[in-house]
Amino acid sequence: MEAFTRKTGIAVPLEGRNVDTDQIIPARFLKFDRADGYGRFLFHDLRFAESGQEHADFILNREPYRRASILVADENFGCGSSREGAVYALHDYGIRVVIAPRFGDIFYNNCLRNGLLPALVTDEDARALRAALAAAADPSLTVDLEAQRIVGVGIDVAFTVDPFWRECLLQGVDEIGLALRMLPQIEAFEREYRQQVPWLASGST
């Protein structure tokens, strides 16, 4: 997993509460091999008509938002089913940060395990960010994980993220990777423990 410290990029304001994982990627596309990329399926039924033609009024089909790497969403983004493909679609499209007042619990954890930052802000801050981005000539934001700040379009707000996963993202590791980095300390503890309680360590009663 690639380390995440700071991201600056175009941010797309996505209106609408309770955007579920079936809207993020419809279930029928999950049969495809991810090696070919899931980004083309992101918000597929909102982006495209049955003919395959783009819906001109959908925000990701408009410049400069189609080049977004940050998404600012509304309440309860990523609710619904547990499909990890929703995170794959965002990641493969190029989205590295999703900012929202609340996420679906499973979606939130899937983001963290796949190197995508789910940044929690207040509902008021999320609304202000979306409004400012929609009106800005340059809708860009900088998301700083070390400082836990979002800056841009005349706004500077704090965000929260799970402390354990913040450390994992900063180091570019998952739970296993983080544990392996602590292997010398773990082995030292086990050696000391065996010396202090040899009867337990040996399995004798």
N, C-alpha and C. Protein backbone atom coordinates (compact mmCIF):
# COMPACT_ATOMS: atom_id res chain seq x y z
N MET A 1 0.84 -1.19 0.00
CA MET A 1 0.00 0.00 0.00
C MET A 1 0.88 1.24 0.00
N GLU A 2 0.58 2.18 -0.89
CA GLU A 2 1.37 3.39 -1.00
C GLU A 2 1.12 4.31 0.20
N ALA A 3 2.19 4.88 0.73
CA ALA A 3 2.06 5.80 1.87
C ALA A 3 1.27 7.04 1.46
N PHE A 4 0.47 7.54 2.39
CA PHE A 4 -0.31 8.75 2.15
C PHE A 4 0.09 9.78 3.21
N THR A 5 0.55 10.93 2.77
CA THR A 5 0.84 12.02 3.69
C THR A 5 0.03 13.26 3.35
N ARG A 6 0.02 13.62 2.07
CA ARG A 6 -0.69 14.82 1.63
C ARG A 6 -1.14 14.65 0.18
N LYS A 7 -2.32 15.14 -0.11
CA LYS A 7 -2.84 15.08 -1.47
C LYS A 7 -3.39 16.43 -1.87
N THR A 8 -2.92 16.95 -3.00
CA THR A 8 -3.47 18.15 -3.60
C THR A 8 -4.04 17.79 -4.95
N GLY A 9 -5.27 18.18 -5.21
CA GLY A 9 -5.88 17.85 -6.49
C GLY A 9 -7.24 18.47 -6.64
N ILE A 10 -7.81 18.28 -7.81
CA ILE A 10 -9.17 18.75 -8.08
C ILE A 10 -10.14 17.95 -7.22
N ALA A 11 -11.08 18.66 -6.62
CA ALA A 11 -12.06 18.03 -5.74
C ALA A 11 -13.45 18.19 -6.33
N VAL A 12 -14.18 17.10 -6.41
CA VAL A 12 -15.51 17.13 -6.99
C VAL A 12 -16.56 17.15 -5.88
N PRO A 13 -17.49 18.12 -5.88
CA PRO A 13 -18.56 18.15 -4.88
C PRO A 13 -19.73 17.30 -5.35
N LEU A 14 -20.02 16.23 -4.64
CA LEU A 14 -21.09 15.32 -5.01
C LEU A 14 -22.26 15.49 -4.05
N GLU A 15 -23.37 16.01 -4.56
CA GLU A 15 -24.54 16.22 -3.72
C GLU A 15 -25.35 14.93 -3.60
N GLY A 16 -26.10 14.83 -2.51
CA GLY A 16 -26.99 13.69 -2.33
C GLY A 16 -26.61 12.84 -1.13
N ARG A 17 -27.56 12.68 -0.22
CA ARG A 17 -27.35 11.83 0.95
C ARG A 17 -27.53 10.37 0.58
N ASN A 18 -26.93 9.51 1.41
CA ASN A 18 -27.14 8.06 1.31
C ASN A 18 -26.77 7.50 -0.07
N VAL A 19 -25.65 7.96 -0.61
CA VAL A 19 -25.14 7.36 -1.86
C VAL A 19 -24.61 5.98 -1.51
N ASP A 20 -25.26 4.95 -2.03
CA ASP A 20 -24.90 3.59 -1.61
C ASP A 20 -23.89 2.96 -2.56
N THR A 21 -23.41 1.79 -2.16
CA THR A 21 -22.35 1.14 -2.93
C THR A 21 -22.84 0.67 -4.30
N ASP A 22 -24.13 0.45 -4.45
CA ASP A 22 -24.65 0.05 -5.76
C ASP A 22 -24.66 1.23 -6.72
N GLN A 23 -24.77 2.44 -6.20
CA GLN A 23 -24.63 3.62 -7.05
C GLN A 23 -23.15 3.85 -7.41
N ILE A 24 -22.28 3.58 -6.44
CA ILE A 24 -20.84 3.77 -6.69
C ILE A 24 -20.36 2.80 -7.75
N ILE A 25 -20.76 1.54 -7.66
CA ILE A 25 -20.50 0.56 -8.73
C ILE A 25 -21.64 -0.45 -8.75
N PRO A 26 -22.45 -0.46 -9.81
CA PRO A 26 -23.54 -1.44 -9.89
C PRO A 26 -23.03 -2.87 -9.84
N ALA A 27 -23.80 -3.74 -9.20
CA ALA A 27 -23.36 -5.11 -8.91
C ALA A 27 -22.98 -5.89 -10.17
N ARG A 28 -23.60 -5.59 -11.30
CA ARG A 28 -23.34 -6.39 -12.50
C ARG A 28 -21.91 -6.25 -13.02
N PHE A 29 -21.19 -5.23 -12.56
CA PHE A 29 -19.83 -5.02 -13.04
C PHE A 29 -18.79 -5.74 -12.17
N LEU A 30 -19.23 -6.31 -11.06
CA LEU A 30 -18.27 -6.96 -10.15
C LEU A 30 -17.74 -8.27 -10.71
N LYS A 31 -18.37 -8.77 -11.77
CA LYS A 31 -17.90 -10.03 -12.38
C LYS A 31 -16.65 -9.81 -13.22
N PHE A 32 -16.34 -8.54 -13.54
CA PHE A 32 -15.18 -8.27 -14.39
C PHE A 32 -13.89 -8.33 -13.57
N ASP A 33 -12.80 -8.64 -14.27
CA ASP A 33 -11.48 -8.72 -13.65
C ASP A 33 -11.00 -7.31 -13.30
N ARG A 34 -10.63 -7.10 -12.05
CA ARG A 34 -10.19 -5.78 -11.65
C ARG A 34 -8.87 -5.39 -12.33
N ALA A 35 -8.13 -6.34 -12.83
CA ALA A 35 -6.87 -6.03 -13.49
C ALA A 35 -7.06 -5.06 -14.65
N ASP A 36 -8.25 -5.06 -15.22
CA ASP A 36 -8.56 -4.14 -16.32
C ASP A 36 -9.04 -2.78 -15.82
N GLY A 37 -9.17 -2.64 -14.49
CA GLY A 37 -9.56 -1.36 -13.91
C GLY A 37 -11.06 -1.25 -13.70
N TYR A 38 -11.44 -0.82 -12.50
CA TYR A 38 -12.85 -0.61 -12.19
C TYR A 38 -13.26 0.86 -12.33
N GLY A 39 -12.29 1.73 -12.62
CA GLY A 39 -12.60 3.15 -12.70
C GLY A 39 -13.66 3.48 -13.73
N ARG A 40 -13.71 2.70 -14.83
CA ARG A 40 -14.70 2.96 -15.88
C ARG A 40 -16.12 2.67 -15.42
N PHE A 41 -16.26 1.93 -14.31
CA PHE A 41 -17.59 1.59 -13.80
C PHE A 41 -18.06 2.54 -12.69
N LEU A 42 -17.20 3.47 -12.26
CA LEU A 42 -17.55 4.35 -11.15
C LEU A 42 -18.80 5.17 -11.49
N PHE A 43 -19.80 5.09 -10.63
CA PHE A 43 -21.07 5.81 -10.81
C PHE A 43 -21.65 5.58 -12.22
N HIS A 44 -21.48 4.36 -12.71
CA HIS A 44 -21.80 4.07 -14.11
C HIS A 44 -23.20 4.50 -14.51
N ASP A 45 -24.20 4.13 -13.72
CA ASP A 45 -25.58 4.41 -14.14
C ASP A 45 -25.97 5.87 -13.93
N LEU A 46 -25.14 6.61 -13.21
CA LEU A 46 -25.34 8.05 -13.09
C LEU A 46 -24.57 8.78 -14.19
N ARG A 47 -23.46 8.23 -14.61
CA ARG A 47 -22.61 8.88 -15.62
C ARG A 47 -23.09 8.61 -17.05
N PHE A 48 -23.68 7.43 -17.27
CA PHE A 48 -23.98 7.02 -18.65
C PHE A 48 -25.44 6.64 -18.85
N ALA A 49 -25.93 6.91 -20.04
CA ALA A 49 -27.24 6.41 -20.47
C ALA A 49 -27.09 4.97 -20.94
N GLU A 50 -28.21 4.29 -21.19
CA GLU A 50 -28.15 2.90 -21.66
C GLU A 50 -27.40 2.79 -22.98
N SER A 51 -27.42 3.85 -23.76
CA SER A 51 -26.71 3.86 -25.04
C SER A 51 -25.20 3.97 -24.87
N GLY A 52 -24.75 4.29 -23.64
CA GLY A 52 -23.33 4.51 -23.39
C GLY A 52 -22.93 5.97 -23.45
N GLN A 53 -23.85 6.82 -23.87
CA GLN A 53 -23.56 8.25 -23.95
C GLN A 53 -23.53 8.86 -22.55
N GLU A 54 -22.61 9.80 -22.34
CA GLU A 54 -22.50 10.45 -21.04
C GLU A 54 -23.72 11.32 -20.74
N HIS A 55 -24.12 11.31 -19.47
CA HIS A 55 -25.10 12.28 -19.01
C HIS A 55 -24.37 13.60 -18.77
N ALA A 56 -24.66 14.60 -19.58
CA ALA A 56 -23.90 15.86 -19.50
C ALA A 56 -24.08 16.58 -18.18
N ASP A 57 -25.20 16.29 -17.48
CA ASP A 57 -25.45 17.01 -16.24
C ASP A 57 -24.82 16.36 -15.01
N PHE A 58 -24.22 15.17 -15.19
CA PHE A 58 -23.57 14.53 -14.03
C PHE A 58 -22.20 15.15 -13.83
N ILE A 59 -21.89 15.49 -12.60
CA ILE A 59 -20.75 16.36 -12.33
C ILE A 59 -19.40 15.76 -12.74
N LEU A 60 -19.25 14.46 -12.66
CA LEU A 60 -17.97 13.85 -13.06
C LEU A 60 -17.77 13.85 -14.58
N ASN A 61 -18.82 14.18 -15.31
CA ASN A 61 -18.71 14.28 -16.76
C ASN A 61 -18.42 15.70 -17.22
N ARG A 62 -18.13 16.59 -16.27
CA ARG A 62 -17.86 17.98 -16.61
C ARG A 62 -16.43 18.34 -16.21
N GLU A 63 -15.83 19.22 -16.98
CA GLU A 63 -14.51 19.73 -16.63
C GLU A 63 -14.65 20.81 -15.55
N PRO A 64 -13.68 20.89 -14.63
CA PRO A 64 -12.48 20.05 -14.52
C PRO A 64 -12.69 18.82 -13.64
N TYR A 65 -13.96 18.59 -13.23
CA TYR A 65 -14.22 17.55 -12.22
C TYR A 65 -13.93 16.14 -12.69
N ARG A 66 -13.96 15.92 -14.03
CA ARG A 66 -13.69 14.56 -14.49
C ARG A 66 -12.25 14.15 -14.19
N ARG A 67 -11.41 15.11 -13.82
CA ARG A 67 -10.02 14.82 -13.45
C ARG A 67 -9.81 14.84 -11.93
N ALA A 68 -10.89 14.69 -11.19
CA ALA A 68 -10.82 14.80 -9.73
C ALA A 68 -10.05 13.65 -9.10
N SER A 69 -9.33 13.98 -8.02
CA SER A 69 -8.66 12.95 -7.20
C SER A 69 -9.17 13.00 -5.76
N ILE A 70 -10.07 13.96 -5.49
CA ILE A 70 -10.69 14.11 -4.17
C ILE A 70 -12.19 14.25 -4.38
N LEU A 71 -12.97 13.61 -3.53
CA LEU A 71 -14.42 13.68 -3.64
C LEU A 71 -14.99 14.18 -2.32
N VAL A 72 -15.86 15.18 -2.39
CA VAL A 72 -16.52 15.70 -1.19
C VAL A 72 -17.99 15.31 -1.27
N ALA A 73 -18.40 14.45 -0.37
CA ALA A 73 -19.73 13.85 -0.42
C ALA A 73 -20.62 14.37 0.71
N ASP A 74 -21.83 13.84 0.73
CA ASP A 74 -22.83 14.22 1.72
C ASP A 74 -22.95 13.11 2.77
N GLU A 75 -23.94 13.22 3.59
CA GLU A 75 -24.17 12.32 4.72
C GLU A 75 -24.33 10.86 4.28
N ASN A 76 -23.66 9.94 5.00
CA ASN A 76 -23.84 8.50 4.86
C ASN A 76 -23.38 7.98 3.51
N PHE A 77 -22.24 8.47 3.05
CA PHE A 77 -21.69 8.02 1.78
C PHE A 77 -21.16 6.59 1.92
N GLY A 78 -21.45 5.75 0.92
CA GLY A 78 -20.96 4.37 0.93
C GLY A 78 -21.79 3.43 1.79
N CYS A 79 -23.04 3.78 2.01
CA CYS A 79 -23.91 2.88 2.78
C CYS A 79 -24.34 1.72 1.88
N GLY A 80 -25.12 0.80 2.43
CA GLY A 80 -25.61 -0.32 1.64
C GLY A 80 -24.75 -1.55 1.79
N SER A 81 -24.55 -2.28 0.71
CA SER A 81 -23.86 -3.56 0.77
C SER A 81 -22.38 -3.38 1.09
N SER A 82 -21.74 -4.50 1.40
CA SER A 82 -20.35 -4.47 1.86
C SER A 82 -19.34 -4.55 0.72
N ARG A 83 -19.78 -4.43 -0.53
CA ARG A 83 -18.89 -4.71 -1.66
C ARG A 83 -17.64 -3.83 -1.66
N GLU A 84 -16.50 -4.50 -1.68
CA GLU A 84 -15.21 -3.81 -1.72
C GLU A 84 -14.97 -3.18 -3.09
N GLY A 85 -15.72 -3.64 -4.09
CA GLY A 85 -15.60 -3.08 -5.42
C GLY A 85 -15.91 -1.60 -5.48
N ALA A 86 -16.70 -1.08 -4.54
CA ALA A 86 -16.99 0.35 -4.51
C ALA A 86 -15.72 1.15 -4.26
N VAL A 87 -14.88 0.66 -3.37
CA VAL A 87 -13.60 1.32 -3.11
C VAL A 87 -12.66 1.13 -4.29
N TYR A 88 -12.65 -0.06 -4.89
CA TYR A 88 -11.81 -0.30 -6.07
C TYR A 88 -12.16 0.69 -7.18
N ALA A 89 -13.45 0.91 -7.40
CA ALA A 89 -13.88 1.81 -8.48
C ALA A 89 -13.39 3.23 -8.24
N LEU A 90 -13.52 3.71 -7.02
CA LEU A 90 -13.03 5.05 -6.68
C LEU A 90 -11.52 5.12 -6.86
N HIS A 91 -10.82 4.14 -6.32
CA HIS A 91 -9.36 4.12 -6.38
C HIS A 91 -8.87 4.05 -7.83
N ASP A 92 -9.47 3.18 -8.62
CA ASP A 92 -9.02 2.99 -10.00
C ASP A 92 -9.36 4.20 -10.88
N TYR A 93 -10.37 4.94 -10.51
CA TYR A 93 -10.70 6.17 -11.23
C TYR A 93 -9.67 7.26 -10.95
N GLY A 94 -9.05 7.16 -9.76
CA GLY A 94 -8.04 8.16 -9.38
C GLY A 94 -8.37 8.92 -8.12
N ILE A 95 -9.49 8.56 -7.48
CA ILE A 95 -9.88 9.20 -6.22
C ILE A 95 -9.01 8.64 -5.09
N ARG A 96 -8.36 9.53 -4.34
CA ARG A 96 -7.51 9.11 -3.23
C ARG A 96 -8.06 9.55 -1.88
N VAL A 97 -9.01 10.49 -1.88
CA VAL A 97 -9.61 10.98 -0.64
C VAL A 97 -11.11 11.14 -0.85
N VAL A 98 -11.90 10.67 0.11
CA VAL A 98 -13.32 10.96 0.14
C VAL A 98 -13.61 11.68 1.45
N ILE A 99 -14.20 12.86 1.33
CA ILE A 99 -14.52 13.70 2.50
C ILE A 99 -16.03 13.67 2.69
N ALA A 100 -16.48 13.39 3.89
CA ALA A 100 -17.92 13.33 4.16
C ALA A 100 -18.18 13.46 5.65
N PRO A 101 -19.43 13.80 6.04
CA PRO A 101 -19.79 13.87 7.46
C PRO A 101 -19.96 12.50 8.09
N ARG A 102 -20.30 11.50 7.27
CA ARG A 102 -20.46 10.14 7.79
C ARG A 102 -20.37 9.16 6.64
N PHE A 103 -19.81 7.98 6.93
CA PHE A 103 -19.66 6.93 5.94
C PHE A 103 -20.39 5.67 6.41
N GLY A 104 -20.76 4.84 5.44
CA GLY A 104 -21.16 3.49 5.81
C GLY A 104 -19.99 2.80 6.49
N ASP A 105 -20.25 2.07 7.57
CA ASP A 105 -19.17 1.52 8.40
C ASP A 105 -18.24 0.60 7.61
N ILE A 106 -18.81 -0.31 6.83
CA ILE A 106 -17.98 -1.27 6.10
C ILE A 106 -17.21 -0.56 5.00
N PHE A 107 -17.86 0.37 4.33
CA PHE A 107 -17.18 1.14 3.28
C PHE A 107 -16.00 1.90 3.88
N TYR A 108 -16.19 2.50 5.04
CA TYR A 108 -15.12 3.25 5.71
C TYR A 108 -13.90 2.36 5.95
N ASN A 109 -14.13 1.17 6.46
CA ASN A 109 -13.02 0.26 6.73
C ASN A 109 -12.40 -0.28 5.45
N ASN A 110 -13.21 -0.51 4.42
CA ASN A 110 -12.66 -0.94 3.14
C ASN A 110 -11.75 0.13 2.54
N CYS A 111 -12.13 1.39 2.70
CA CYS A 111 -11.28 2.49 2.22
C CYS A 111 -9.90 2.41 2.87
N LEU A 112 -9.88 2.30 4.18
CA LEU A 112 -8.62 2.32 4.91
C LEU A 112 -7.73 1.14 4.54
N ARG A 113 -8.33 0.00 4.30
CA ARG A 113 -7.55 -1.19 3.96
C ARG A 113 -7.04 -1.17 2.51
N ASN A 114 -7.51 -0.21 1.74
CA ASN A 114 -7.08 -0.12 0.35
C ASN A 114 -6.36 1.19 0.05
N GLY A 115 -5.92 1.89 1.10
CA GLY A 115 -5.11 3.09 0.91
C GLY A 115 -5.87 4.32 0.46
N LEU A 116 -7.18 4.32 0.63
CA LEU A 116 -8.00 5.47 0.27
C LEU A 116 -8.43 6.15 1.57
N LEU A 117 -8.19 7.45 1.70
CA LEU A 117 -8.45 8.15 2.95
C LEU A 117 -9.90 8.60 3.05
N PRO A 118 -10.68 8.08 4.03
CA PRO A 118 -12.01 8.60 4.31
C PRO A 118 -11.92 9.67 5.40
N ALA A 119 -12.02 10.91 5.03
CA ALA A 119 -11.83 12.03 5.96
C ALA A 119 -13.18 12.49 6.49
N LEU A 120 -13.36 12.39 7.80
CA LEU A 120 -14.61 12.78 8.43
C LEU A 120 -14.58 14.25 8.83
N VAL A 121 -15.59 14.99 8.37
CA VAL A 121 -15.75 16.40 8.73
C VAL A 121 -17.16 16.59 9.26
N THR A 122 -17.44 17.77 9.78
CA THR A 122 -18.79 18.05 10.22
C THR A 122 -19.70 18.24 9.01
N ASP A 123 -20.99 18.10 9.23
CA ASP A 123 -21.96 18.31 8.15
C ASP A 123 -21.85 19.74 7.62
N GLU A 124 -21.67 20.69 8.53
CA GLU A 124 -21.55 22.09 8.13
C GLU A 124 -20.32 22.31 7.25
N ASP A 125 -19.19 21.72 7.64
CA ASP A 125 -17.97 21.87 6.84
C ASP A 125 -18.09 21.20 5.49
N ALA A 126 -18.74 20.04 5.45
CA ALA A 126 -18.93 19.35 4.17
C ALA A 126 -19.79 20.19 3.23
N ARG A 127 -20.85 20.79 3.74
CA ARG A 127 -21.70 21.65 2.91
C ARG A 127 -20.93 22.85 2.40
N ALA A 128 -20.14 23.46 3.28
CA ALA A 128 -19.36 24.64 2.89
C ALA A 128 -18.34 24.29 1.82
N LEU A 129 -17.69 23.14 1.96
CA LEU A 129 -16.71 22.71 0.97
C LEU A 129 -17.38 22.48 -0.39
N ARG A 130 -18.51 21.78 -0.39
CA ARG A 130 -19.18 21.49 -1.66
C ARG A 130 -19.63 22.78 -2.35
N ALA A 131 -20.18 23.71 -1.57
CA ALA A 131 -20.65 24.98 -2.15
C ALA A 131 -19.48 25.78 -2.72
N ALA A 132 -18.37 25.83 -1.99
CA ALA A 132 -17.21 26.60 -2.44
C ALA A 132 -16.59 25.97 -3.68
N LEU A 133 -16.52 24.64 -3.70
CA LEU A 133 -15.95 23.95 -4.87
C LEU A 133 -16.80 24.18 -6.11
N ALA A 134 -18.12 24.14 -5.96
CA ALA A 134 -19.02 24.32 -7.09
C ALA A 134 -18.89 25.72 -7.69
N ALA A 135 -18.51 26.70 -6.86
CA ALA A 135 -18.41 28.08 -7.32
C ALA A 135 -17.00 28.48 -7.74
N ALA A 136 -16.00 27.65 -7.47
CA ALA A 136 -14.61 28.03 -7.66
C ALA A 136 -14.15 27.86 -9.10
N ALA A 137 -13.33 28.80 -9.54
CA ALA A 137 -12.69 28.66 -10.86
C ALA A 137 -11.66 27.53 -10.83
N ASP A 138 -11.00 27.37 -9.69
CA ASP A 138 -10.03 26.29 -9.50
C ASP A 138 -10.48 25.47 -8.29
N PRO A 139 -11.27 24.43 -8.50
CA PRO A 139 -11.80 23.64 -7.38
C PRO A 139 -10.79 22.63 -6.85
N SER A 140 -9.71 23.13 -6.29
CA SER A 140 -8.65 22.25 -5.77
C SER A 140 -8.59 22.32 -4.26
N LEU A 141 -8.22 21.21 -3.67
CA LEU A 141 -8.03 21.12 -2.22
C LEU A 141 -6.70 20.44 -1.93
N THR A 142 -6.16 20.74 -0.75
CA THR A 142 -5.02 20.00 -0.21
C THR A 142 -5.48 19.31 1.07
N VAL A 143 -5.29 18.01 1.11
CA VAL A 143 -5.64 17.21 2.29
C VAL A 143 -4.35 16.74 2.92
N ASP A 144 -4.08 17.20 4.14
CA ASP A 144 -2.84 16.90 4.85
C ASP A 144 -3.15 15.93 5.98
N LEU A 145 -2.70 14.68 5.84
CA LEU A 145 -3.01 13.67 6.85
C LEU A 145 -2.23 13.89 8.13
N GLU A 146 -0.99 14.36 8.03
CA GLU A 146 -0.21 14.60 9.25
C GLU A 146 -0.85 15.69 10.10
N ALA A 147 -1.28 16.78 9.48
CA ALA A 147 -1.91 17.89 10.21
C ALA A 147 -3.40 17.66 10.41
N GLN A 148 -3.98 16.73 9.65
CA GLN A 148 -5.42 16.47 9.64
C GLN A 148 -6.21 17.74 9.34
N ARG A 149 -5.79 18.39 8.23
CA ARG A 149 -6.42 19.62 7.77
C ARG A 149 -6.77 19.50 6.28
N ILE A 150 -7.83 20.18 5.90
CA ILE A 150 -8.24 20.32 4.50
C ILE A 150 -8.22 21.81 4.19
N VAL A 151 -7.46 22.19 3.15
CA VAL A 151 -7.28 23.60 2.84
C VAL A 151 -7.54 23.83 1.36
N GLY A 152 -8.25 24.91 1.05
CA GLY A 152 -8.48 25.29 -0.34
C GLY A 152 -9.80 25.99 -0.50
N VAL A 153 -9.99 26.63 -1.65
CA VAL A 153 -11.19 27.40 -2.01
C VAL A 153 -11.64 28.32 -0.86
N GLY A 154 -10.64 28.90 -0.18
CA GLY A 154 -10.93 29.83 0.90
C GLY A 154 -11.36 29.20 2.20
N ILE A 155 -11.15 27.90 2.34
CA ILE A 155 -11.61 27.16 3.53
C ILE A 155 -10.43 26.41 4.14
N ASP A 156 -10.41 26.35 5.46
CA ASP A 156 -9.41 25.58 6.21
C ASP A 156 -10.15 24.87 7.34
N VAL A 157 -10.31 23.55 7.22
CA VAL A 157 -11.07 22.80 8.22
C VAL A 157 -10.29 21.57 8.67
N ALA A 158 -10.63 21.09 9.85
CA ALA A 158 -10.03 19.86 10.39
C ALA A 158 -10.86 18.65 9.98
N PHE A 159 -10.20 17.50 9.93
CA PHE A 159 -10.92 16.25 9.72
C PHE A 159 -10.39 15.20 10.69
N THR A 160 -11.15 14.16 10.88
CA THR A 160 -10.73 13.07 11.77
C THR A 160 -10.64 11.77 10.96
N VAL A 161 -9.82 10.87 11.48
CA VAL A 161 -9.67 9.54 10.91
C VAL A 161 -9.22 8.63 12.06
N ASP A 162 -9.53 7.37 11.96
CA ASP A 162 -9.13 6.42 13.00
C ASP A 162 -7.63 6.51 13.25
N PRO A 163 -7.19 6.72 14.52
CA PRO A 163 -5.76 6.94 14.80
C PRO A 163 -4.86 5.79 14.36
N PHE A 164 -5.30 4.56 14.57
CA PHE A 164 -4.48 3.42 14.15
C PHE A 164 -4.28 3.43 12.65
N TRP A 165 -5.37 3.64 11.91
CA TRP A 165 -5.27 3.62 10.46
C TRP A 165 -4.57 4.86 9.92
N ARG A 166 -4.63 5.96 10.65
CA ARG A 166 -3.85 7.14 10.25
C ARG A 166 -2.37 6.78 10.20
N GLU A 167 -1.91 6.07 11.23
CA GLU A 167 -0.50 5.65 11.28
C GLU A 167 -0.19 4.68 10.14
N CYS A 168 -1.11 3.76 9.87
CA CYS A 168 -0.90 2.81 8.78
C CYS A 168 -0.79 3.54 7.44
N LEU A 169 -1.68 4.49 7.20
CA LEU A 169 -1.66 5.23 5.94
C LEU A 169 -0.37 6.04 5.80
N LEU A 170 0.04 6.69 6.88
CA LEU A 170 1.26 7.48 6.83
C LEU A 170 2.48 6.62 6.50
N GLN A 171 2.47 5.38 7.01
CA GLN A 171 3.60 4.48 6.77
C GLN A 171 3.43 3.62 5.52
N GLY A 172 2.22 3.61 4.96
CA GLY A 172 1.97 2.82 3.77
C GLY A 172 1.92 1.33 4.04
N VAL A 173 1.32 0.93 5.17
CA VAL A 173 1.23 -0.48 5.53
C VAL A 173 -0.18 -0.80 6.02
N ASP A 174 -0.55 -2.10 5.95
CA ASP A 174 -1.79 -2.54 6.56
C ASP A 174 -1.48 -3.11 7.94
N GLU A 175 -2.48 -3.78 8.56
CA GLU A 175 -2.27 -4.29 9.93
C GLU A 175 -1.09 -5.27 9.99
N ILE A 176 -1.01 -6.17 8.99
CA ILE A 176 0.07 -7.16 9.00
C ILE A 176 1.42 -6.49 8.81
N GLY A 177 1.46 -5.55 7.87
CA GLY A 177 2.71 -4.84 7.62
C GLY A 177 3.19 -4.07 8.82
N LEU A 178 2.23 -3.45 9.54
CA LEU A 178 2.61 -2.70 10.74
C LEU A 178 3.15 -3.64 11.82
N ALA A 179 2.52 -4.81 11.96
CA ALA A 179 2.99 -5.79 12.94
C ALA A 179 4.39 -6.29 12.59
N LEU A 180 4.65 -6.52 11.30
CA LEU A 180 5.97 -7.01 10.88
C LEU A 180 7.06 -5.97 11.14
N ARG A 181 6.70 -4.69 11.04
CA ARG A 181 7.68 -3.64 11.33
C ARG A 181 8.06 -3.63 12.81
N MET A 182 7.18 -4.19 13.63
CA MET A 182 7.44 -4.24 15.07
C MET A 182 8.00 -5.59 15.50
N LEU A 183 8.39 -6.42 14.52
CA LEU A 183 8.85 -7.77 14.83
C LEU A 183 10.02 -7.81 15.81
N PRO A 184 11.03 -6.94 15.70
CA PRO A 184 12.12 -6.97 16.70
C PRO A 184 11.62 -6.75 18.13
N GLN A 185 10.69 -5.81 18.31
CA GLN A 185 10.14 -5.56 19.66
C GLN A 185 9.32 -6.75 20.14
N ILE A 186 8.58 -7.38 19.22
CA ILE A 186 7.77 -8.54 19.58
C ILE A 186 8.67 -9.69 20.02
N GLU A 187 9.73 -9.93 19.25
CA GLU A 187 10.65 -11.02 19.58
C GLU A 187 11.38 -10.75 20.89
N ALA A 188 11.75 -9.48 21.14
CA ALA A 188 12.41 -9.13 22.39
C ALA A 188 11.48 -9.36 23.57
N PHE A 189 10.21 -9.00 23.42
CA PHE A 189 9.23 -9.23 24.48
C PHE A 189 9.09 -10.73 24.77
N GLU A 190 9.01 -11.54 23.72
CA GLU A 190 8.84 -12.98 23.91
C GLU A 190 10.05 -13.59 24.62
N ARG A 191 11.26 -13.13 24.28
CA ARG A 191 12.46 -13.65 24.95
C ARG A 191 12.43 -13.29 26.44
N GLU A 192 12.09 -12.05 26.73
CA GLU A 192 12.04 -11.62 28.13
C GLU A 192 10.95 -12.36 28.89
N TYR A 193 9.82 -12.57 28.22
CA TYR A 193 8.70 -13.26 28.86
C TYR A 193 9.09 -14.70 29.20
N ARG A 194 9.79 -15.38 28.28
CA ARG A 194 10.21 -16.76 28.53
C ARG A 194 11.19 -16.84 29.70
N GLN A 195 12.01 -15.83 29.87
CA GLN A 195 12.95 -15.80 30.99
C GLN A 195 12.23 -15.58 32.32
N GLN A 196 11.19 -14.78 32.32
CA GLN A 196 10.47 -14.45 33.55
C GLN A 196 9.54 -15.57 33.99
N VAL A 197 8.93 -16.24 33.04
CA VAL A 197 7.97 -17.32 33.38
C VAL A 197 8.30 -18.56 32.55
N PRO A 198 9.44 -19.18 32.79
CA PRO A 198 9.85 -20.33 31.95
C PRO A 198 8.89 -21.50 32.06
N TRP A 199 8.20 -21.64 33.22
CA TRP A 199 7.27 -22.76 33.36
C TRP A 199 6.04 -22.62 32.44
N LEU A 200 5.64 -21.37 32.18
CA LEU A 200 4.54 -21.16 31.25
C LEU A 200 5.01 -21.30 29.80
N ALA A 201 6.16 -20.70 29.53
CA ALA A 201 6.68 -20.74 28.16
C ALA A 201 6.96 -22.15 27.69
N SER A 202 7.35 -23.03 28.65
CA SER A 202 7.68 -24.41 28.28
C SER A 202 6.45 -25.28 28.16
N GLY A 203 5.32 -24.79 28.66
CA GLY A 203 4.08 -25.55 28.60
C GLY A 203 3.94 -26.53 29.75
N SER A 204 4.85 -26.51 30.74
CA SER A 204 4.76 -27.44 31.88
C SER A 204 3.72 -26.92 32.86
N THR A 205 3.18 -27.84 33.68
CA THR A 205 2.16 -27.49 34.67
C THR A 205 2.70 -27.69 36.08
